[in-house]
Amino acid sequence: MIRIDCGMGRKYLIVAAIASLQAFVPYGLARAEFNPAYPRIAARPHGTLQNSSAVDADSRHIAKHQVAILPTDRTWKMGGYDMATLPAHIKSYNANIKLLKYINFN
C-alpha cells in the first residue's frame, strides 16, 4: 500500500481538481461536437392564409421558416387547398420545414 501524506488541504485540492476535470472535460468535448441543425427561425404566421388568391404567396412566405405553426381551422379551405393538402404544398417550397397545427382547446 502506498501512502501519500500531503495534508488535508492539498488532498481537497486534488479531489476538487479531479472532479472538475471529470465534470467539465466531457462537457467541453461534447459541446464542441454538438452543433445541431435545430430550428432557428420560427413563426406563427398571423394574417396569412385568409385570402384565397394569396394562398400560394402565403405558402412561400411560411416556407422561408424552419418551423411554422399553422393557425387555421381543421375545416379551412381556400385557393384550392385544404388542411390535408396545404402542408404538402408548403413543403414543396421547403422540404425541411416542421409544420405544427395550432389547436385551441377552448
PDB file of N, CA and C in Angstrom:
ATOM      1  N   MET A   1       0.829  -1.166   0.000  1.00  0.00           N
ATOM      2  CA  MET A   1       0.000   0.000   0.000  1.00  0.00           C
ATOM      3  C   MET A   1       0.880   1.238   0.000  1.00  0.00           C
ATOM      4  N   ILE A   2       0.547   2.171  -0.858  1.00  0.00           N
ATOM      5  CA  ILE A   2       1.291   3.421  -0.935  1.00  0.00           C
ATOM      6  C   ILE A   2       0.518   4.471  -0.162  1.00  0.00           C
ATOM      7  N   ARG A   3       1.207   5.167   0.656  1.00  0.00           N
ATOM      8  CA  ARG A   3       0.560   6.193   1.465  1.00  0.00           C
ATOM      9  C   ARG A   3       1.147   7.546   1.100  1.00  0.00           C
ATOM     10  N   ILE A   4       0.259   8.468   0.736  1.00  0.00           N
ATOM     11  CA  ILE A   4       0.703   9.815   0.416  1.00  0.00           C
ATOM     12  C   ILE A   4       0.209  10.724   1.532  1.00  0.00           C
ATOM     13  N   ASP A   5       1.151  11.359   2.188  1.00  0.00           N
ATOM     14  CA  ASP A   5       0.783  12.260   3.278  1.00  0.00           C
ATOM     15  C   ASP A   5       1.111  13.681   2.838  1.00  0.00           C
ATOM     16  N   CYS A   6       0.083  14.382   2.399  1.00  0.00           N
ATOM     17  CA  CYS A   6       0.321  15.732   1.903  1.00  0.00           C
ATOM     18  C   CYS A   6      -0.599  16.741   2.560  1.00  0.00           C
ATOM     19  N   GLY A   7      -1.222  16.392   3.631  1.00  0.00           N
ATOM     20  CA  GLY A   7      -2.081  17.322   4.341  1.00  0.00           C
ATOM     21  C   GLY A   7      -3.489  17.332   3.770  1.00  0.00           C
ATOM     22  N   MET A   8      -4.438  17.719   4.609  1.00  0.00           N
ATOM     23  CA  MET A   8      -5.854  17.706   4.210  1.00  0.00           C
ATOM     24  C   MET A   8      -6.161  18.756   3.149  1.00  0.00           C
ATOM     25  N   GLY A   9      -5.577  19.924   3.236  1.00  0.00           N
ATOM     26  CA  GLY A   9      -5.854  20.980   2.266  1.00  0.00           C
ATOM     27  C   GLY A   9      -5.449  20.582   0.860  1.00  0.00           C
ATOM     28  N   ARG A  10      -4.305  19.990   0.745  1.00  0.00           N
ATOM     29  CA  ARG A  10      -3.823  19.554  -0.568  1.00  0.00           C
ATOM     30  C   ARG A  10      -4.663  18.397  -1.098  1.00  0.00           C
ATOM     31  N   LYS A  11      -5.109  17.501  -0.216  1.00  0.00           N
ATOM     32  CA  LYS A  11      -5.974  16.398  -0.643  1.00  0.00           C
ATOM     33  C   LYS A  11      -7.293  16.926  -1.203  1.00  0.00           C
ATOM     34  N   TYR A  12      -7.881  17.914  -0.514  1.00  0.00           N
ATOM     35  CA  TYR A  12      -9.122  18.508  -1.014  1.00  0.00           C
ATOM     36  C   TYR A  12      -8.901  19.182  -2.361  1.00  0.00           C
ATOM     37  N   LEU A  13      -7.763  19.823  -2.514  1.00  0.00           N
ATOM     38  CA  LEU A  13      -7.443  20.483  -3.776  1.00  0.00           C
ATOM     39  C   LEU A  13      -7.309  19.466  -4.911  1.00  0.00           C
ATOM     40  N   ILE A  14      -6.663  18.339  -4.625  1.00  0.00           N
ATOM     41  CA  ILE A  14      -6.507  17.293  -5.639  1.00  0.00           C
ATOM     42  C   ILE A  14      -7.863  16.694  -6.007  1.00  0.00           C
ATOM     43  N   VAL A  15      -8.687  16.417  -5.006  1.00  0.00           N
ATOM     44  CA  VAL A  15     -10.018  15.852  -5.259  1.00  0.00           C
ATOM     45  C   VAL A  15     -10.858  16.843  -6.072  1.00  0.00           C
ATOM     46  N   ALA A  16     -10.774  18.125  -5.734  1.00  0.00           N
ATOM     47  CA  ALA A  16     -11.528  19.135  -6.477  1.00  0.00           C
ATOM     48  C   ALA A  16     -11.047  19.236  -7.916  1.00  0.00           C
ATOM     49  N   ALA A  17      -9.748  19.136  -8.138  1.00  0.00           N
ATOM     50  CA  ALA A  17      -9.207  19.199  -9.498  1.00  0.00           C
ATOM     51  C   ALA A  17      -9.666  17.993 -10.323  1.00  0.00           C
ATOM     52  N   ILE A  18      -9.655  16.824  -9.739  1.00  0.00           N
ATOM     53  CA  ILE A  18     -10.092  15.621 -10.444  1.00  0.00           C
ATOM     54  C   ILE A  18     -11.588  15.706 -10.752  1.00  0.00           C
ATOM     55  N   ALA A  19     -12.378  16.152  -9.788  1.00  0.00           N
ATOM     56  CA  ALA A  19     -13.821  16.284 -10.012  1.00  0.00           C
ATOM     57  C   ALA A  19     -14.109  17.315 -11.101  1.00  0.00           C
ATOM     58  N   SER A  20     -13.354  18.402 -11.097  1.00  0.00           N
ATOM     59  CA  SER A  20     -13.555  19.418 -12.136  1.00  0.00           C
ATOM     60  C   SER A  20     -13.233  18.868 -13.513  1.00  0.00           C
ATOM     61  N   LEU A  21     -12.150  18.134 -13.615  1.00  0.00           N
ATOM     62  CA  LEU A  21     -11.789  17.549 -14.904  1.00  0.00           C
ATOM     63  C   LEU A  21     -12.854  16.568 -15.373  1.00  0.00           C
ATOM     64  N   GLN A  22     -13.347  15.752 -14.446  1.00  0.00           N
ATOM     65  CA  GLN A  22     -14.377  14.793 -14.825  1.00  0.00           C
ATOM     66  C   GLN A  22     -15.672  15.482 -15.221  1.00  0.00           C
ATOM     67  N   ALA A  23     -15.965  16.612 -14.608  1.00  0.00           N
ATOM     68  CA  ALA A  23     -17.222  17.296 -14.894  1.00  0.00           C
ATOM     69  C   ALA A  23     -17.153  18.132 -16.161  1.00  0.00           C
ATOM     70  N   PHE A  24     -16.048  18.834 -16.388  1.00  0.00           N
ATOM     71  CA  PHE A  24     -16.011  19.811 -17.462  1.00  0.00           C
ATOM     72  C   PHE A  24     -15.350  19.330 -18.749  1.00  0.00           C
ATOM     73  N   VAL A  25     -14.436  18.396 -18.677  1.00  0.00           N
ATOM     74  CA  VAL A  25     -13.795  17.925 -19.907  1.00  0.00           C
ATOM     75  C   VAL A  25     -14.794  17.204 -20.805  1.00  0.00           C
ATOM     76  N   PRO A  26     -15.594  16.256 -20.314  1.00  0.00           N
ATOM     77  CA  PRO A  26     -16.579  15.643 -21.214  1.00  0.00           C
ATOM     78  C   PRO A  26     -17.595  16.654 -21.729  1.00  0.00           C
ATOM     79  N   TYR A  27     -17.990  17.612 -20.890  1.00  0.00           N
ATOM     80  CA  TYR A  27     -18.938  18.636 -21.322  1.00  0.00           C
ATOM     81  C   TYR A  27     -18.335  19.491 -22.429  1.00  0.00           C
ATOM     82  N   GLY A  28     -17.089  19.868 -22.269  1.00  0.00           N
ATOM     83  CA  GLY A  28     -16.423  20.676 -23.283  1.00  0.00           C
ATOM     84  C   GLY A  28     -16.274  19.932 -24.595  1.00  0.00           C
ATOM     85  N   LEU A  29     -15.917  18.667 -24.533  1.00  0.00           N
ATOM     86  CA  LEU A  29     -15.781  17.875 -25.753  1.00  0.00           C
ATOM     87  C   LEU A  29     -17.136  17.679 -26.430  1.00  0.00           C
ATOM     88  N   ALA A  30     -18.153  17.388 -25.632  1.00  0.00           N
ATOM     89  CA  ALA A  30     -19.487  17.200 -26.206  1.00  0.00           C
ATOM     90  C   ALA A  30     -20.010  18.504 -26.787  1.00  0.00           C
ATOM     91  N   ARG A  31     -19.716  19.602 -26.117  1.00  0.00           N
ATOM     92  CA  ARG A  31     -20.190  20.892 -26.606  1.00  0.00           C
ATOM     93  C   ARG A  31     -19.516  21.257 -27.916  1.00  0.00           C
ATOM     94  N   ALA A  32     -18.251  20.917 -28.073  1.00  0.00           N
ATOM     95  CA  ALA A  32     -17.540  21.225 -29.314  1.00  0.00           C
ATOM     96  C   ALA A  32     -18.093  20.402 -30.477  1.00  0.00           C
ATOM     97  N   GLU A  33     -18.507  19.171 -30.222  1.00  0.00           N
ATOM     98  CA  GLU A  33     -19.011  18.297 -31.270  1.00  0.00           C
ATOM     99  C   GLU A  33     -20.502  18.514 -31.523  1.00  0.00           C
ATOM    100  N   PHE A  34     -21.218  19.046 -30.552  1.00  0.00           N
ATOM    101  CA  PHE A  34     -22.676  19.157 -30.631  1.00  0.00           C
ATOM    102  C   PHE A  34     -23.045  20.511 -31.226  1.00  0.00           C
ATOM    103  N   ASN A  35     -23.368  20.507 -32.501  1.00  0.00           N
ATOM    104  CA  ASN A  35     -23.841  21.705 -33.175  1.00  0.00           C
ATOM    105  C   ASN A  35     -25.015  21.300 -34.058  1.00  0.00           C
ATOM    106  N   PRO A  36     -26.163  21.082 -33.425  1.00  0.00           N
ATOM    107  CA  PRO A  36     -27.289  20.546 -34.191  1.00  0.00           C
ATOM    108  C   PRO A  36     -27.886  21.576 -35.136  1.00  0.00           C
ATOM    109  N   ALA A  37     -28.507  21.063 -36.149  1.00  0.00           N
ATOM    110  CA  ALA A  37     -29.223  21.920 -37.081  1.00  0.00           C
ATOM    111  C   ALA A  37     -30.640  22.111 -36.561  1.00  0.00           C
ATOM    112  N   TYR A  38     -30.737  22.641 -35.341  1.00  0.00           N
ATOM    113  CA  TYR A  38     -32.043  22.819 -34.734  1.00  0.00           C
ATOM    114  C   TYR A  38     -32.757  24.004 -35.377  1.00  0.00           C
ATOM    115  N   PRO A  39     -34.041  24.064 -35.253  1.00  0.00           N
ATOM    116  CA  PRO A  39     -34.766  25.194 -35.848  1.00  0.00           C
ATOM    117  C   PRO A  39     -34.321  26.516 -35.240  1.00  0.00           C
ATOM    118  N   ARG A  40     -33.982  27.435 -36.084  1.00  0.00           N
ATOM    119  CA  ARG A  40     -33.522  28.731 -35.629  1.00  0.00           C
ATOM    120  C   ARG A  40     -34.505  29.833 -36.000  1.00  0.00           C
ATOM    121  N   ILE A  41     -35.350  29.618 -36.964  1.00  0.00           N
ATOM    122  CA  ILE A  41     -36.327  30.613 -37.386  1.00  0.00           C
ATOM    123  C   ILE A  41     -37.704  29.969 -37.324  1.00  0.00           C
ATOM    124  N   ALA A  42     -38.589  30.574 -36.553  1.00  0.00           N
ATOM    125  CA  ALA A  42     -39.934  30.016 -36.423  1.00  0.00           C
ATOM    126  C   ALA A  42     -40.956  31.138 -36.538  1.00  0.00           C
ATOM    127  N   ALA A  43     -42.176  30.760 -36.831  1.00  0.00           N
ATOM    128  CA  ALA A  43     -43.230  31.758 -36.968  1.00  0.00           C
ATOM    129  C   ALA A  43     -44.591  31.139 -36.724  1.00  0.00           C
ATOM    130  N   ARG A  44     -45.481  31.990 -36.302  1.00  0.00           N
ATOM    131  CA  ARG A  44     -46.909  31.670 -36.303  1.00  0.00           C
ATOM    132  C   ARG A  44     -47.518  32.735 -37.194  1.00  0.00           C
ATOM    133  N   PRO A  45     -47.634  32.450 -38.457  1.00  0.00           N
ATOM    134  CA  PRO A  45     -47.974  33.478 -39.450  1.00  0.00           C
ATOM    135  C   PRO A  45     -49.405  33.981 -39.341  1.00  0.00           C
ATOM    136  N   HIS A  46     -49.601  35.006 -38.501  1.00  0.00           N
ATOM    137  CA  HIS A  46     -50.915  35.632 -38.369  1.00  0.00           C
ATOM    138  C   HIS A  46     -51.256  36.379 -39.650  1.00  0.00           C
ATOM    139  N   GLY A  47     -52.485  36.369 -40.022  1.00  0.00           N
ATOM    140  CA  GLY A  47     -52.931  37.125 -41.180  1.00  0.00           C
ATOM    141  C   GLY A  47     -52.676  36.449 -42.505  1.00  0.00           C
ATOM    142  N   THR A  48     -52.030  35.303 -42.488  1.00  0.00           N
ATOM    143  CA  THR A  48     -51.808  34.590 -43.741  1.00  0.00           C
ATOM    144  C   THR A  48     -52.924  33.573 -43.940  1.00  0.00           C
ATOM    145  N   LEU A  49     -53.033  33.095 -45.130  1.00  0.00           N
ATOM    146  CA  LEU A  49     -53.999  32.057 -45.493  1.00  0.00           C
ATOM    147  C   LEU A  49     -55.439  32.515 -45.305  1.00  0.00           C
ATOM    148  N   GLN A  50     -55.683  33.826 -45.405  1.00  0.00           N
ATOM    149  CA  GLN A  50     -57.048  34.328 -45.259  1.00  0.00           C
ATOM    150  C   GLN A  50     -57.645  34.802 -46.577  1.00  0.00           C
ATOM    151  N   ASN A  51     -56.825  34.885 -47.613  1.00  0.00           N
ATOM    152  CA  ASN A  51     -57.304  35.342 -48.906  1.00  0.00           C
ATOM    153  C   ASN A  51     -57.057  34.229 -49.913  1.00  0.00           C
ATOM    154  N   SER A  52     -58.086  33.759 -50.576  1.00  0.00           N
ATOM    155  CA  SER A  52     -57.948  32.602 -51.461  1.00  0.00           C
ATOM    156  C   SER A  52     -57.011  32.875 -52.635  1.00  0.00           C
ATOM    157  N   SER A  53     -56.834  34.144 -53.013  1.00  0.00           N
ATOM    158  CA  SER A  53     -55.935  34.439 -54.132  1.00  0.00           C
ATOM    159  C   SER A  53     -54.478  34.512 -53.700  1.00  0.00           C
ATOM    160  N   ALA A  54     -54.204  34.510 -52.384  1.00  0.00           N
ATOM    161  CA  ALA A  54     -52.832  34.656 -51.901  1.00  0.00           C
ATOM    162  C   ALA A  54     -52.294  33.408 -51.210  1.00  0.00           C
ATOM    163  N   VAL A  55     -52.962  32.291 -51.348  1.00  0.00           N
ATOM    164  CA  VAL A  55     -52.518  31.078 -50.645  1.00  0.00           C
ATOM    165  C   VAL A  55     -51.126  30.659 -51.108  1.00  0.00           C
ATOM    166  N   ASP A  56     -50.836  30.762 -52.404  1.00  0.00           N
ATOM    167  CA  ASP A  56     -49.523  30.374 -52.893  1.00  0.00           C
ATOM    168  C   ASP A  56     -48.439  31.313 -52.351  1.00  0.00           C
ATOM    169  N   ALA A  57     -48.699  32.607 -52.343  1.00  0.00           N
ATOM    170  CA  ALA A  57     -47.726  33.570 -51.802  1.00  0.00           C
ATOM    171  C   ALA A  57     -47.542  33.356 -50.301  1.00  0.00           C
ATOM    172  N   ASP A  58     -48.622  33.100 -49.596  1.00  0.00           N
ATOM    173  CA  ASP A  58     -48.528  32.827 -48.165  1.00  0.00           C
ATOM    174  C   ASP A  58     -47.747  31.545 -47.905  1.00  0.00           C
ATOM    175  N   SER A  59     -47.937  30.542 -48.743  1.00  0.00           N
ATOM    176  CA  SER A  59     -47.206  29.278 -48.584  1.00  0.00           C
ATOM    177  C   SER A  59     -45.709  29.492 -48.782  1.00  0.00           C
ATOM    178  N   ARG A  60     -45.344  30.320 -49.763  1.00  0.00           N
ATOM    179  CA  ARG A  60     -43.922  30.627 -49.969  1.00  0.00           C
ATOM    180  C   ARG A  60     -43.344  31.390 -48.782  1.00  0.00           C
ATOM    181  N   HIS A  61     -44.131  32.294 -48.207  1.00  0.00           N
ATOM    182  CA  HIS A  61     -43.677  33.039 -47.036  1.00  0.00           C
ATOM    183  C   HIS A  61     -43.478  32.102 -45.843  1.00  0.00           C
ATOM    184  N   ILE A  62     -44.423  31.218 -45.612  1.00  0.00           N
ATOM    185  CA  ILE A  62     -44.321  30.269 -44.499  1.00  0.00           C
ATOM    186  C   ILE A  62     -43.116  29.350 -44.697  1.00  0.00           C
ATOM    187  N   ALA A  63     -42.845  28.947 -45.934  1.00  0.00           N
ATOM    188  CA  ALA A  63     -41.758  28.012 -46.223  1.00  0.00           C
ATOM    189  C   ALA A  63     -40.376  28.613 -45.983  1.00  0.00           C
ATOM    190  N   LYS A  64     -40.272  29.917 -45.802  1.00  0.00           N
ATOM    191  CA  LYS A  64     -38.978  30.540 -45.515  1.00  0.00           C
ATOM    192  C   LYS A  64     -38.505  30.236 -44.103  1.00  0.00           C
ATOM    193  N   HIS A  65     -39.406  29.779 -43.256  1.00  0.00           N
ATOM    194  CA  HIS A  65     -39.072  29.481 -41.875  1.00  0.00           C
ATOM    195  C   HIS A  65     -38.657  28.025 -41.732  1.00  0.00           C
ATOM    196  N   GLN A  66     -38.105  27.708 -40.576  1.00  0.00           N
ATOM    197  CA  GLN A  66     -37.749  26.316 -40.311  1.00  0.00           C
ATOM    198  C   GLN A  66     -38.829  25.601 -39.513  1.00  0.00           C
ATOM    199  N   VAL A  67     -39.628  26.365 -38.775  1.00  0.00           N
ATOM    200  CA  VAL A  67     -40.769  25.828 -38.032  1.00  0.00           C
ATOM    201  C   VAL A  67     -41.903  26.820 -38.185  1.00  0.00           C
ATOM    202  N   ALA A  68     -43.097  26.331 -38.437  1.00  0.00           N
ATOM    203  CA  ALA A  68     -44.263  27.213 -38.535  1.00  0.00           C
ATOM    204  C   ALA A  68     -45.454  26.547 -37.863  1.00  0.00           C
ATOM    205  N   ILE A  69     -46.222  27.359 -37.173  1.00  0.00           N
ATOM    206  CA  ILE A  69     -47.463  26.905 -36.557  1.00  0.00           C
ATOM    207  C   ILE A  69     -48.600  27.426 -37.421  1.00  0.00           C
ATOM    208  N   LEU A  70     -49.366  26.527 -37.985  1.00  0.00           N
ATOM    209  CA  LEU A  70     -50.472  26.911 -38.874  1.00  0.00           C
ATOM    210  C   LEU A  70     -51.715  27.229 -38.045  1.00  0.00           C
ATOM    211  N   PRO A  71     -52.131  28.504 -38.040  1.00  0.00           N
ATOM    212  CA  PRO A  71     -53.265  28.904 -37.201  1.00  0.00           C
ATOM    213  C   PRO A  71     -54.596  28.824 -37.936  1.00  0.00           C
ATOM    214  N   THR A  72     -54.859  27.749 -38.595  1.00  0.00           N
ATOM    215  CA  THR A  72     -56.108  27.614 -39.350  1.00  0.00           C
ATOM    216  C   THR A  72     -56.977  26.531 -38.724  1.00  0.00           C
ATOM    217  N   ASP A  73     -58.252  26.597 -39.027  1.00  0.00           N
ATOM    218  CA  ASP A  73     -59.176  25.572 -38.547  1.00  0.00           C
ATOM    219  C   ASP A  73     -58.993  24.289 -39.339  1.00  0.00           C
ATOM    220  N   ARG A  74     -59.455  23.197 -38.782  1.00  0.00           N
ATOM    221  CA  ARG A  74     -59.351  21.919 -39.499  1.00  0.00           C
ATOM    222  C   ARG A  74     -60.251  21.896 -40.722  1.00  0.00           C
ATOM    223  N   THR A  75     -61.245  22.758 -40.734  1.00  0.00           N
ATOM    224  CA  THR A  75     -62.164  22.814 -41.870  1.00  0.00           C
ATOM    225  C   THR A  75     -61.772  23.891 -42.881  1.00  0.00           C
ATOM    226  N   TRP A  76     -60.587  24.478 -42.732  1.00  0.00           N
ATOM    227  CA  TRP A  76     -60.131  25.557 -43.606  1.00  0.00           C
ATOM    228  C   TRP A  76     -59.995  25.055 -45.042  1.00  0.00           C
ATOM    229  N   LYS A  77     -60.515  25.847 -45.991  1.00  0.00           N
ATOM    230  CA  LYS A  77     -60.398  25.560 -47.424  1.00  0.00           C
ATOM    231  C   LYS A  77     -60.317  26.888 -48.155  1.00  0.00           C
ATOM    232  N   MET A  78     -59.237  27.088 -48.912  1.00  0.00           N
ATOM    233  CA  MET A  78     -59.096  28.297 -49.725  1.00  0.00           C
ATOM    234  C   MET A  78     -58.112  28.046 -50.839  1.00  0.00           C
ATOM    235  N   GLY A  79     -58.313  28.732 -51.930  1.00  0.00           N
ATOM    236  CA  GLY A  79     -57.362  28.692 -53.031  1.00  0.00           C
ATOM    237  C   GLY A  79     -57.112  27.308 -53.593  1.00  0.00           C
ATOM    238  N   GLY A  80     -58.072  26.414 -53.465  1.00  0.00           N
ATOM    239  CA  GLY A  80     -57.906  25.064 -53.969  1.00  0.00           C
ATOM    240  C   GLY A  80     -57.175  24.133 -53.012  1.00  0.00           C
ATOM    241  N   TYR A  81     -56.914  24.580 -51.772  1.00  0.00           N
ATOM    242  CA  TYR A  81     -56.213  23.769 -50.778  1.00  0.00           C
ATOM    243  C   TYR A  81     -57.099  23.601 -49.556  1.00  0.00           C
ATOM    244  N   ASP A  82     -56.834  22.555 -48.810  1.00  0.00           N
ATOM    245  CA  ASP A  82     -57.456  22.368 -47.512  1.00  0.00           C
ATOM    246  C   ASP A  82     -56.363  21.906 -46.552  1.00  0.00           C
ATOM    247  N   MET A  83     -56.710  21.609 -45.317  1.00  0.00           N
ATOM    248  CA  MET A  83     -55.682  21.242 -44.337  1.00  0.00           C
ATOM    249  C   MET A  83     -55.038  19.893 -44.626  1.00  0.00           C
ATOM    250  N   ALA A  84     -55.599  19.109 -45.516  1.00  0.00           N
ATOM    251  CA  ALA A  84     -54.973  17.843 -45.901  1.00  0.00           C
ATOM    252  C   ALA A  84     -53.909  18.058 -46.975  1.00  0.00           C
ATOM    253  N   THR A  85     -54.084  19.087 -47.812  1.00  0.00           N
ATOM    254  CA  THR A  85     -53.148  19.300 -48.926  1.00  0.00           C
ATOM    255  C   THR A  85     -52.204  20.481 -48.706  1.00  0.00           C
ATOM    256  N   LEU A  86     -52.543  21.398 -47.799  1.00  0.00           N
ATOM    257  CA  LEU A  86     -51.707  22.579 -47.580  1.00  0.00           C
ATOM    258  C   LEU A  86     -50.300  22.246 -47.085  1.00  0.00           C
ATOM    259  N   PRO A  87     -50.112  21.348 -46.106  1.00  0.00           N
ATOM    260  CA  PRO A  87     -48.741  21.043 -45.672  1.00  0.00           C
ATOM    261  C   PRO A  87     -47.851  20.543 -46.807  1.00  0.00           C
ATOM    262  N   ALA A  88     -48.374  19.716 -47.681  1.00  0.00           N
ATOM    263  CA  ALA A  88     -47.573  19.231 -48.813  1.00  0.00           C
ATOM    264  C   ALA A  88     -47.214  20.376 -49.752  1.00  0.00           C
ATOM    265  N   HIS A  89     -48.130  21.314 -49.914  1.00  0.00           N
ATOM    266  CA  HIS A  89     -47.854  22.475 -50.776  1.00  0.00           C
ATOM    267  C   HIS A  89     -46.751  23.346 -50.170  1.00  0.00           C
ATOM    268  N   ILE A  90     -46.800  23.574 -48.872  1.00  0.00           N
ATOM    269  CA  ILE A  90     -45.752  24.363 -48.209  1.00  0.00           C
ATOM    270  C   ILE A  90     -44.424  23.622 -48.279  1.00  0.00           C
ATOM    271  N   LYS A  91     -44.453  22.310 -48.068  1.00  0.00           N
ATOM    272  CA  LYS A  91     -43.215  21.522 -48.115  1.00  0.00           C
ATOM    273  C   LYS A  91     -42.640  21.412 -49.523  1.00  0.00           C
ATOM    274  N   SER A  92     -43.421  21.716 -50.529  1.00  0.00           N
ATOM    275  CA  SER A  92     -42.869  21.723 -51.888  1.00  0.00           C
ATOM    276  C   SER A  92     -41.871  22.867 -52.060  1.00  0.00           C
ATOM    277  N   TYR A  93     -41.990  23.910 -51.249  1.00  0.00           N
ATOM    278  CA  TYR A  93     -41.047  25.022 -51.279  1.00  0.00           C
ATOM    279  C   TYR A  93     -39.880  24.805 -50.327  1.00  0.00           C
ATOM    280  N   ASN A  94     -40.108  24.132 -49.210  1.00  0.00           N
ATOM    281  CA  ASN A  94     -39.058  23.859 -48.226  1.00  0.00           C
ATOM    282  C   ASN A  94     -39.360  22.509 -47.594  1.00  0.00           C
ATOM    283  N   ALA A  95     -38.667  21.496 -48.054  1.00  0.00           N
ATOM    284  CA  ALA A  95     -38.946  20.132 -47.588  1.00  0.00           C
ATOM    285  C   ALA A  95     -38.550  19.913 -46.128  1.00  0.00           C
ATOM    286  N   ASN A  96     -37.680  20.757 -45.576  1.00  0.00           N
ATOM    287  CA  ASN A  96     -37.196  20.561 -44.211  1.00  0.00           C
ATOM    288  C   ASN A  96     -38.001  21.305 -43.158  1.00  0.00           C
ATOM    289  N   ILE A  97     -39.007  22.043 -43.561  1.00  0.00           N
ATOM    290  CA  ILE A  97     -39.791  22.815 -42.595  1.00  0.00           C
ATOM    291  C   ILE A  97     -40.590  21.872 -41.701  1.00  0.00           C
ATOM    292  N   LYS A  98     -40.702  22.244 -40.429  1.00  0.00           N
ATOM    293  CA  LYS A  98     -41.525  21.497 -39.477  1.00  0.00           C
ATOM    294  C   LYS A  98     -42.820  22.282 -39.303  1.00  0.00           C
ATOM    295  N   LEU A  99     -43.925  21.673 -39.632  1.00  0.00           N
ATOM    296  CA  LEU A  99     -45.223  22.329 -39.536  1.00  0.00           C
ATOM    297  C   LEU A  99     -45.988  21.788 -38.336  1.00  0.00           C
ATOM    298  N   LEU A 100     -46.478  22.693 -37.529  1.00  0.00           N
ATOM    299  CA  LEU A 100     -47.274  22.339 -36.361  1.00  0.00           C
ATOM    300  C   LEU A 100     -48.669  22.917 -36.547  1.00  0.00           C
ATOM    301  N   LYS A 101     -49.640  22.240 -36.040  1.00  0.00           N
ATOM    302  CA  LYS A 101     -51.025  22.699 -36.148  1.00  0.00           C
ATOM    303  C   LYS A 101     -51.421  23.346 -34.838  1.00  0.00           C
ATOM    304  N   TYR A 102     -51.864  24.599 -34.924  1.00  0.00           N
ATOM    305  CA  TYR A 102     -52.366  25.300 -33.739  1.00  0.00           C
ATOM    306  C   TYR A 102     -53.736  24.747 -33.404  1.00  0.00           C
ATOM    307  N   ILE A 103     -53.921  24.402 -32.154  1.00  0.00           N
ATOM    308  CA  ILE A 103     -55.208  23.878 -31.696  1.00  0.00           C
ATOM    309  C   ILE A 103     -55.631  24.663 -30.471  1.00  0.00           C
ATOM    310  N   ASN A 104     -56.816  25.217 -30.508  1.00  0.00           N
ATOM    311  CA  ASN A 104     -57.370  25.928 -29.372  1.00  0.00           C
ATOM    312  C   ASN A 104     -58.312  24.959 -28.675  1.00  0.00           C
ATOM    313  N   PHE A 105     -57.994  24.589 -27.452  1.00  0.00           N
ATOM    314  CA  PHE A 105     -58.792  23.597 -26.750  1.00  0.00           C
ATOM    315  C   PHE A 105     -60.050  24.175 -26.116  1.00  0.00           C
ATOM    316  N   ASN A 106     -60.247  25.487 -26.269  1.00  0.00           N
ATOM    317  CA  ASN A 106     -61.482  26.067 -25.719  1.00  0.00           C
ATOM    318  C   ASN A 106     -62.637  25.622 -26.563  1.00  0.00           C
TER     319      ASN A 106
END
